[in-house]
Each structure stands twice: as C-alpha cells, then as structure tokens.
Full PDB file with SEQRES, HELIX, SHEET, SSBOND, CRYST1, ORIGX, SCALE, CONECT and MASTER records, all heavy atoms in Angstrom:
SEQRES   1 A   30  LYS SER LEU LEU ASN LEU PHE ALA TYR THR GLY SER VAL          
SEQRES   2 A   30  SER LEU GLN ALA ALA LEU HIS GLY ALA THR SER ILE THR          
SEQRES   3 A   30  THR VAL ASP MET                                              
HELIX    1 AA1 SER A   12  LEU A   19  1                                   8    
SHEET    1 AA1 2 SER A   2  LEU A   6  0                                        
SHEET    2 AA1 2 SER A  24  VAL A  28  1                                        
CRYST1    1.000    1.000    1.000  90.00  90.00  90.00 P 1           1          
ORIGX1      1.000000  0.000000  0.000000        0.00000                         
ORIGX2      0.000000  1.000000  0.000000        0.00000                         
ORIGX3      0.000000  0.000000  1.000000        0.00000                         
SCALE1      1.000000  0.000000  0.000000        0.00000                         
SCALE2      0.000000  1.000000  0.000000        0.00000                         
SCALE3      0.000000  0.000000  1.000000        0.00000                         
ATOM      1  N   LYS A   1      10.413   2.202  -4.322  1.00  0.00           N  
ATOM      2  CA  LYS A   1       9.467   2.866  -5.248  1.00  0.00           C  
ATOM      3  C   LYS A   1       8.134   3.312  -4.461  1.00  0.00           C  
ATOM      4  O   LYS A   1       7.916   2.939  -3.346  1.00  0.00           O  
ATOM      5  CB  LYS A   1       9.078   2.061  -6.408  1.00  0.00           C  
ATOM      6  CG  LYS A   1      10.253   1.685  -7.298  1.00  0.00           C  
ATOM      7  CD  LYS A   1       9.870   0.782  -8.499  1.00  0.00           C  
ATOM      8  CE  LYS A   1      11.025   0.377  -9.294  1.00  0.00           C  
ATOM      9  NZ  LYS A   1      10.613  -0.475 -10.418  1.00  0.00           N  
ATOM     10  N   SER A   2       7.282   4.115  -5.163  1.00  0.00           N  
ATOM     11  CA  SER A   2       5.991   4.551  -4.619  1.00  0.00           C  
ATOM     12  C   SER A   2       4.900   3.697  -5.087  1.00  0.00           C  
ATOM     13  O   SER A   2       5.013   3.119  -6.169  1.00  0.00           O  
ATOM     14  CB  SER A   2       5.696   5.959  -5.044  1.00  0.00           C  
ATOM     15  OG  SER A   2       5.728   6.084  -6.494  1.00  0.00           O  
ATOM     16  N   LEU A   3       3.947   3.417  -4.252  1.00  0.00           N  
ATOM     17  CA  LEU A   3       2.771   2.474  -4.454  1.00  0.00           C  
ATOM     18  C   LEU A   3       1.618   3.159  -4.226  1.00  0.00           C  
ATOM     19  O   LEU A   3       1.355   3.945  -3.226  1.00  0.00           O  
ATOM     20  CB  LEU A   3       2.947   1.254  -3.717  1.00  0.00           C  
ATOM     21  CG  LEU A   3       1.841   0.319  -3.534  1.00  0.00           C  
ATOM     22  CD1 LEU A   3       1.539  -0.368  -4.942  1.00  0.00           C  
ATOM     23  CD2 LEU A   3       1.794  -0.739  -2.462  1.00  0.00           C  
ATOM     24  N   LEU A   4       0.589   2.931  -5.095  1.00  0.00           N  
ATOM     25  CA  LEU A   4      -0.793   3.311  -4.955  1.00  0.00           C  
ATOM     26  C   LEU A   4      -1.600   2.081  -4.868  1.00  0.00           C  
ATOM     27  O   LEU A   4      -1.583   1.328  -5.816  1.00  0.00           O  
ATOM     28  CB  LEU A   4      -1.263   4.276  -6.120  1.00  0.00           C  
ATOM     29  CG  LEU A   4      -2.806   4.473  -6.090  1.00  0.00           C  
ATOM     30  CD1 LEU A   4      -3.270   5.296  -4.834  1.00  0.00           C  
ATOM     31  CD2 LEU A   4      -3.206   5.344  -7.370  1.00  0.00           C  
ATOM     32  N   ASN A   5      -2.345   1.902  -3.819  1.00  0.00           N  
ATOM     33  CA  ASN A   5      -3.186   0.663  -3.617  1.00  0.00           C  
ATOM     34  C   ASN A   5      -4.700   1.119  -3.547  1.00  0.00           C  
ATOM     35  O   ASN A   5      -5.019   1.743  -2.626  1.00  0.00           O  
ATOM     36  CB  ASN A   5      -2.760   0.007  -2.277  1.00  0.00           C  
ATOM     37  CG  ASN A   5      -3.568  -1.317  -2.113  1.00  0.00           C  
ATOM     38  OD1 ASN A   5      -4.321  -1.833  -2.923  1.00  0.00           O  
ATOM     39  ND2 ASN A   5      -3.370  -1.904  -0.863  1.00  0.00           N  
ATOM     40  N   LEU A   6      -5.334   0.765  -4.648  1.00  0.00           N  
ATOM     41  CA  LEU A   6      -6.829   1.142  -4.745  1.00  0.00           C  
ATOM     42  C   LEU A   6      -7.683  -0.006  -4.439  1.00  0.00           C  
ATOM     43  O   LEU A   6      -7.391  -1.206  -4.761  1.00  0.00           O  
ATOM     44  CB  LEU A   6      -7.014   1.637  -6.193  1.00  0.00           C  
ATOM     45  CG  LEU A   6      -6.375   3.049  -6.555  1.00  0.00           C  
ATOM     46  CD1 LEU A   6      -6.345   3.096  -8.031  1.00  0.00           C  
ATOM     47  CD2 LEU A   6      -6.992   4.101  -5.893  1.00  0.00           C  
ATOM     48  N   PHE A   7      -8.874   0.373  -3.883  1.00  0.00           N  
ATOM     49  CA  PHE A   7      -9.865  -0.803  -3.355  1.00  0.00           C  
ATOM     50  C   PHE A   7      -8.973  -1.657  -2.411  1.00  0.00           C  
ATOM     51  O   PHE A   7      -8.985  -2.898  -2.447  1.00  0.00           O  
ATOM     52  CB  PHE A   7     -10.364  -1.607  -4.476  1.00  0.00           C  
ATOM     53  CG  PHE A   7     -11.077  -0.882  -5.618  1.00  0.00           C  
ATOM     54  CD1 PHE A   7     -10.408  -0.431  -6.820  1.00  0.00           C  
ATOM     55  CD2 PHE A   7     -12.369  -0.439  -5.430  1.00  0.00           C  
ATOM     56  CE1 PHE A   7     -11.001   0.249  -7.750  1.00  0.00           C  
ATOM     57  CE2 PHE A   7     -13.025   0.312  -6.380  1.00  0.00           C  
ATOM     58  CZ  PHE A   7     -12.366   0.658  -7.672  1.00  0.00           C  
ATOM     59  N   ALA A   8      -8.386  -0.954  -1.453  1.00  0.00           N  
ATOM     60  CA  ALA A   8      -7.310  -1.639  -0.704  1.00  0.00           C  
ATOM     61  C   ALA A   8      -7.774  -2.646   0.413  1.00  0.00           C  
ATOM     62  O   ALA A   8      -6.988  -3.308   0.951  1.00  0.00           O  
ATOM     63  CB  ALA A   8      -6.476  -0.534  -0.007  1.00  0.00           C  
ATOM     64  N   TYR A   9      -9.108  -2.545   0.769  1.00  0.00           N  
ATOM     65  CA  TYR A   9      -9.628  -3.466   1.743  1.00  0.00           C  
ATOM     66  C   TYR A   9      -8.884  -3.246   3.124  1.00  0.00           C  
ATOM     67  O   TYR A   9      -8.874  -2.078   3.551  1.00  0.00           O  
ATOM     68  CB  TYR A   9      -9.555  -4.970   1.306  1.00  0.00           C  
ATOM     69  CG  TYR A   9     -10.313  -5.948   2.158  1.00  0.00           C  
ATOM     70  CD1 TYR A   9     -11.494  -5.667   2.805  1.00  0.00           C  
ATOM     71  CD2 TYR A   9      -9.833  -7.192   2.233  1.00  0.00           C  
ATOM     72  CE1 TYR A   9     -12.069  -6.651   3.616  1.00  0.00           C  
ATOM     73  CE2 TYR A   9     -10.458  -8.244   3.016  1.00  0.00           C  
ATOM     74  CZ  TYR A   9     -11.674  -7.852   3.733  1.00  0.00           C  
ATOM     75  OH  TYR A   9     -12.233  -8.856   4.446  1.00  0.00           O  
ATOM     76  N   THR A  10      -8.196  -4.192   3.721  1.00  0.00           N  
ATOM     77  CA  THR A  10      -7.562  -4.032   5.043  1.00  0.00           C  
ATOM     78  C   THR A  10      -6.131  -3.739   4.827  1.00  0.00           C  
ATOM     79  O   THR A  10      -5.282  -3.799   5.776  1.00  0.00           O  
ATOM     80  CB  THR A  10      -7.841  -5.235   5.904  1.00  0.00           C  
ATOM     81  OG1 THR A  10      -7.328  -6.393   5.291  1.00  0.00           O  
ATOM     82  CG2 THR A  10      -9.193  -5.463   6.097  1.00  0.00           C  
ATOM     83  N   GLY A  11      -5.635  -3.448   3.641  1.00  0.00           N  
ATOM     84  CA  GLY A  11      -4.226  -2.912   3.386  1.00  0.00           C  
ATOM     85  C   GLY A  11      -3.222  -3.866   3.396  1.00  0.00           C  
ATOM     86  O   GLY A  11      -2.042  -3.491   3.644  1.00  0.00           O  
ATOM     87  N   SER A  12      -3.570  -5.188   3.165  1.00  0.00           N  
ATOM     88  CA  SER A  12      -2.432  -6.215   3.254  1.00  0.00           C  
ATOM     89  C   SER A  12      -1.369  -6.042   2.185  1.00  0.00           C  
ATOM     90  O   SER A  12      -0.200  -6.221   2.490  1.00  0.00           O  
ATOM     91  CB  SER A  12      -2.999  -7.616   3.262  1.00  0.00           C  
ATOM     92  OG  SER A  12      -3.776  -7.789   2.086  1.00  0.00           O  
ATOM     93  N   VAL A  13      -1.782  -5.590   0.957  1.00  0.00           N  
ATOM     94  CA  VAL A  13      -0.745  -5.348  -0.064  1.00  0.00           C  
ATOM     95  C   VAL A  13       0.099  -4.141   0.293  1.00  0.00           C  
ATOM     96  O   VAL A  13       1.288  -4.183   0.179  1.00  0.00           O  
ATOM     97  CB  VAL A  13      -1.532  -5.053  -1.436  1.00  0.00           C  
ATOM     98  CG1 VAL A  13      -0.574  -4.563  -2.353  1.00  0.00           C  
ATOM     99  CG2 VAL A  13      -2.200  -6.286  -1.976  1.00  0.00           C  
ATOM    100  N   SER A  14      -0.531  -3.106   0.810  1.00  0.00           N  
ATOM    101  CA  SER A  14       0.249  -1.952   1.323  1.00  0.00           C  
ATOM    102  C   SER A  14       1.289  -2.354   2.397  1.00  0.00           C  
ATOM    103  O   SER A  14       2.410  -1.785   2.378  1.00  0.00           O  
ATOM    104  CB  SER A  14      -0.700  -0.878   1.836  1.00  0.00           C  
ATOM    105  OG  SER A  14      -1.523  -0.343   0.828  1.00  0.00           O  
ATOM    106  N   LEU A  15       0.869  -3.192   3.322  1.00  0.00           N  
ATOM    107  CA  LEU A  15       1.618  -3.599   4.440  1.00  0.00           C  
ATOM    108  C   LEU A  15       2.806  -4.371   3.895  1.00  0.00           C  
ATOM    109  O   LEU A  15       4.011  -4.096   4.301  1.00  0.00           O  
ATOM    110  CB  LEU A  15       0.840  -4.534   5.372  1.00  0.00           C  
ATOM    111  CG  LEU A  15       1.666  -5.078   6.533  1.00  0.00           C  
ATOM    112  CD1 LEU A  15       2.227  -3.989   7.487  1.00  0.00           C  
ATOM    113  CD2 LEU A  15       0.793  -5.980   7.355  1.00  0.00           C  
ATOM    114  N   GLN A  16       2.734  -5.318   2.955  1.00  0.00           N  
ATOM    115  CA  GLN A  16       3.795  -6.114   2.489  1.00  0.00           C  
ATOM    116  C   GLN A  16       4.792  -5.132   1.711  1.00  0.00           C  
ATOM    117  O   GLN A  16       6.022  -5.319   1.814  1.00  0.00           O  
ATOM    118  CB  GLN A  16       3.303  -7.283   1.533  1.00  0.00           C  
ATOM    119  CG  GLN A  16       2.693  -8.344   2.279  1.00  0.00           C  
ATOM    120  CD  GLN A  16       3.672  -9.236   3.070  1.00  0.00           C  
ATOM    121  OE1 GLN A  16       4.822  -8.959   3.165  1.00  0.00           O  
ATOM    122  NE2 GLN A  16       3.149 -10.296   3.715  1.00  0.00           N  
ATOM    123  N   ALA A  17       4.273  -4.169   0.979  1.00  0.00           N  
ATOM    124  CA  ALA A  17       5.148  -3.281   0.252  1.00  0.00           C  
ATOM    125  C   ALA A  17       5.931  -2.443   1.197  1.00  0.00           C  
ATOM    126  O   ALA A  17       7.185  -2.132   0.974  1.00  0.00           O  
ATOM    127  CB  ALA A  17       4.240  -2.372  -0.595  1.00  0.00           C  
ATOM    128  N   ALA A  18       5.341  -1.988   2.401  1.00  0.00           N  
ATOM    129  CA  ALA A  18       6.056  -1.260   3.374  1.00  0.00           C  
ATOM    130  C   ALA A  18       7.171  -2.051   3.908  1.00  0.00           C  
ATOM    131  O   ALA A  18       8.289  -1.493   4.152  1.00  0.00           O  
ATOM    132  CB  ALA A  18       5.000  -0.784   4.394  1.00  0.00           C  
ATOM    133  N   LEU A  19       6.901  -3.273   4.265  1.00  0.00           N  
ATOM    134  CA  LEU A  19       7.978  -4.181   4.853  1.00  0.00           C  
ATOM    135  C   LEU A  19       9.044  -4.448   3.885  1.00  0.00           C  
ATOM    136  O   LEU A  19      10.229  -4.711   4.195  1.00  0.00           O  
ATOM    137  CB  LEU A  19       7.326  -5.459   5.326  1.00  0.00           C  
ATOM    138  CG  LEU A  19       6.339  -5.257   6.548  1.00  0.00           C  
ATOM    139  CD1 LEU A  19       5.688  -6.593   6.898  1.00  0.00           C  
ATOM    140  CD2 LEU A  19       7.188  -4.766   7.713  1.00  0.00           C  
ATOM    141  N   HIS A  20       8.802  -4.292   2.495  1.00  0.00           N  
ATOM    142  CA  HIS A  20       9.821  -4.551   1.470  1.00  0.00           C  
ATOM    143  C   HIS A  20      10.511  -3.302   1.162  1.00  0.00           C  
ATOM    144  O   HIS A  20      11.429  -3.285   0.237  1.00  0.00           O  
ATOM    145  CB  HIS A  20       9.128  -5.180   0.254  1.00  0.00           C  
ATOM    146  CG  HIS A  20       8.969  -6.619   0.325  1.00  0.00           C  
ATOM    147  ND1 HIS A  20       8.073  -7.258   1.138  1.00  0.00           N  
ATOM    148  CD2 HIS A  20       9.603  -7.721  -0.285  1.00  0.00           C  
ATOM    149  CE1 HIS A  20       8.169  -8.538   0.907  1.00  0.00           C  
ATOM    150  NE2 HIS A  20       9.070  -8.878   0.084  1.00  0.00           N  
ATOM    151  N   GLY A  21      10.152  -2.217   1.775  1.00  0.00           N  
ATOM    152  CA  GLY A  21      10.970  -0.961   1.509  1.00  0.00           C  
ATOM    153  C   GLY A  21      10.461   0.087   0.535  1.00  0.00           C  
ATOM    154  O   GLY A  21      11.219   0.717  -0.073  1.00  0.00           O  
ATOM    155  N   ALA A  22       9.147   0.021   0.280  1.00  0.00           N  
ATOM    156  CA  ALA A  22       8.478   1.045  -0.576  1.00  0.00           C  
ATOM    157  C   ALA A  22       8.759   2.441   0.059  1.00  0.00           C  
ATOM    158  O   ALA A  22       8.668   2.638   1.227  1.00  0.00           O  
ATOM    159  CB  ALA A  22       7.070   0.814  -0.699  1.00  0.00           C  
ATOM    160  N   THR A  23       9.086   3.380  -0.886  1.00  0.00           N  
ATOM    161  CA  THR A  23       9.403   4.806  -0.285  1.00  0.00           C  
ATOM    162  C   THR A  23       8.181   5.579   0.075  1.00  0.00           C  
ATOM    163  O   THR A  23       8.235   6.367   1.017  1.00  0.00           O  
ATOM    164  CB  THR A  23      10.145   5.585  -1.439  1.00  0.00           C  
ATOM    165  OG1 THR A  23       9.287   5.571  -2.660  1.00  0.00           O  
ATOM    166  CG2 THR A  23      11.414   4.994  -1.814  1.00  0.00           C  
ATOM    167  N   SER A  24       7.066   5.279  -0.529  1.00  0.00           N  
ATOM    168  CA  SER A  24       5.784   5.940  -0.164  1.00  0.00           C  
ATOM    169  C   SER A  24       4.609   4.960  -0.563  1.00  0.00           C  
ATOM    170  O   SER A  24       4.728   4.307  -1.595  1.00  0.00           O  
ATOM    171  CB  SER A  24       5.664   7.298  -0.692  1.00  0.00           C  
ATOM    172  OG  SER A  24       5.393   7.282  -2.084  1.00  0.00           O  
ATOM    173  N   ILE A  25       3.523   5.070   0.238  1.00  0.00           N  
ATOM    174  CA  ILE A  25       2.433   4.198  -0.064  1.00  0.00           C  
ATOM    175  C   ILE A  25       1.074   4.956   0.258  1.00  0.00           C  
ATOM    176  O   ILE A  25       0.894   5.569   1.299  1.00  0.00           O  
ATOM    177  CB  ILE A  25       2.377   2.951   0.771  1.00  0.00           C  
ATOM    178  CG1 ILE A  25       3.766   2.086   0.627  1.00  0.00           C  
ATOM    179  CG2 ILE A  25       1.156   2.100   0.539  1.00  0.00           C  
ATOM    180  CD1 ILE A  25       3.770   0.970   1.552  1.00  0.00           C  
ATOM    181  N   THR A  26       0.276   5.043  -0.794  1.00  0.00           N  
ATOM    182  CA  THR A  26      -1.057   5.636  -0.585  1.00  0.00           C  
ATOM    183  C   THR A  26      -2.109   4.521  -0.682  1.00  0.00           C  
ATOM    184  O   THR A  26      -2.168   3.781  -1.773  1.00  0.00           O  
ATOM    185  CB  THR A  26      -1.298   6.690  -1.738  1.00  0.00           C  
ATOM    186  OG1 THR A  26      -0.312   7.756  -1.572  1.00  0.00           O  
ATOM    187  CG2 THR A  26      -2.782   7.323  -1.525  1.00  0.00           C  
ATOM    188  N   THR A  27      -2.880   4.366   0.359  1.00  0.00           N  
ATOM    189  CA  THR A  27      -3.901   3.385   0.397  1.00  0.00           C  
ATOM    190  C   THR A  27      -5.283   3.914   0.421  1.00  0.00           C  
ATOM    191  O   THR A  27      -5.570   4.757   1.321  1.00  0.00           O  
ATOM    192  CB  THR A  27      -3.668   2.448   1.818  1.00  0.00           C  
ATOM    193  OG1 THR A  27      -2.266   2.059   1.905  1.00  0.00           O  
ATOM    194  CG2 THR A  27      -4.651   1.431   1.952  1.00  0.00           C  
ATOM    195  N   VAL A  28      -6.129   3.487  -0.522  1.00  0.00           N  
ATOM    196  CA  VAL A  28      -7.332   4.172  -0.726  1.00  0.00           C  
ATOM    197  C   VAL A  28      -8.590   3.100  -0.706  1.00  0.00           C  
ATOM    198  O   VAL A  28      -8.396   2.071  -1.398  1.00  0.00           O  
ATOM    199  CB  VAL A  28      -7.491   4.923  -2.134  1.00  0.00           C  
ATOM    200  CG1 VAL A  28      -8.835   5.622  -2.248  1.00  0.00           C  
ATOM    201  CG2 VAL A  28      -6.312   5.804  -2.374  1.00  0.00           C  
ATOM    202  N   ASP A  29      -9.501   3.418   0.148  1.00  0.00           N  
ATOM    203  CA  ASP A  29     -10.761   2.468   0.146  1.00  0.00           C  
ATOM    204  C   ASP A  29     -11.939   3.285   0.576  1.00  0.00           C  
ATOM    205  O   ASP A  29     -11.680   4.366   1.280  1.00  0.00           O  
ATOM    206  CB  ASP A  29     -10.503   1.282   1.186  1.00  0.00           C  
ATOM    207  CG  ASP A  29     -11.537   0.217   0.874  1.00  0.00           C  
ATOM    208  OD1 ASP A  29     -12.571   0.208   1.468  1.00  0.00           O  
ATOM    209  OD2 ASP A  29     -11.153  -0.725   0.134  1.00  0.00           O  
ATOM    210  N   MET A  30     -13.064   2.848   0.223  1.00  0.00           N  
ATOM    211  CA  MET A  30     -14.332   3.656   0.482  1.00  0.00           C  
ATOM    212  C   MET A  30     -14.749   3.424   1.993  1.00  0.00           C  
ATOM    213  O   MET A  30     -15.380   4.171   2.559  1.00  0.00           O  
ATOM    214  CB  MET A  30     -15.403   3.147  -0.413  1.00  0.00           C  
ATOM    215  CG  MET A  30     -16.614   4.048  -0.344  1.00  0.00           C  
ATOM    216  SD  MET A  30     -17.637   3.832  -1.805  1.00  0.00           S  
ATOM    217  CE  MET A  30     -17.862   2.042  -1.838  1.00  0.00           C  
TER     218      MET A  30                                                      
MASTER        0    0    0    1    2    0    0    6  217    1    0    3          
END                                                                             
C-alpha cells in the first residue's frame, strides 16, 4: 500500500514500511 509519514523526523517509520513492501512512501518533515 501507499504510506504518508508526517512529522517524520529521521524516517524510521518510512524505512520499516519500505522494508515491508510498501508500494510508495512520502516522507514529510520541516
């Protein structure tokens, strides 16, 4: 599935999702 990670800090949530096979990931942080 697709994932949006907001206030992502260093992207650890995005990384785990990528390793679990997410189809697309958008990582947003200031």
